[in-house]
Amino acid sequence: MIEAIIGRQHGTNCLLMVIGGQGYALSGNGTVPKTVSSSHCKLTVDDNGTWKLSNIKAELDTFVDGLQIDTKRVSPSSRVELGANHFVLNMHKVESVIRQLQPAVFSLRPLEQIWKNYDDEKLQMQNKEMKIANFQRLQGALSMSAMLFGFIPQLGVFRWVIMGLALLIAIFFFVRGSMVSNSLPMKLKKLNDKFEAEYLCPNPQCPRFLGYRPYNQLQYDRGCPLCQCRYTNT
């Protein structure tokens, strides 16, 4: 939020807008009548960009679009006059100063697809890990079965055939599972590296990684603590 006090500067008789102790001249020296107070009115601009103009003292005159006001919402296109002499406040200069002080606004929307792609690929990797675990369990069952068949003499020569087949299948699952298992950590690292390079503050000048927070949680962030920009979900 921005709060500005607007009034006549003593000595120079120029119109001054003071924000956070910093003064901004809105007119030339000697242009403002003495009917304008040194603290004549207050302009408030909230985080949504809404402007509100308030008369500071009851005995002071502030007019918006021809009507005397105490407090009223205004915009850069409003006609604002101060004091009994109806000194016209240059709202375009006011807008220029406000724009310099307001933080830049960026949309989070482009990050939605980045999160979705990352989440989908990571889920696919997790499913592969589950399949590997199942393969390993099946490998163990087949190895145990092959050993059991070796203790059944009634099967004769067939027990060796069955044992051989079971062992071959077990070896196949072991080799396949090991290959997939060894490649998963590298794929996950590449996925994370890519995500960390893309899931950044939407301000192109800001390098801040937003973490592994889901997109729907990011929408509650008001802005970036690093570059001070504001976020919008539109």
Foldseek 3Di string as FASTA:
>chain_A
DWKWFWWADPPFRFIWIATPNDIDTQGGGPPHDPQTHRRAWMWDQDPVRWIKIAGPDPPWFKDWQRHTDGMDTDDLPIFIATGPVRHTGNSVVVVVVVVVPAFAEDEPQVCQVLLVVLVVVVVVLVVLVVVLVVLLVLLVVLQVVLVVLVPDCVVPPVSVVSSVVSNVSSVVSVVVSVVSVVCSVVVNVVSVVVSQQPQAFRPPVDNHRPPSDHSVVVQPDQHDPPRPHGYDHD
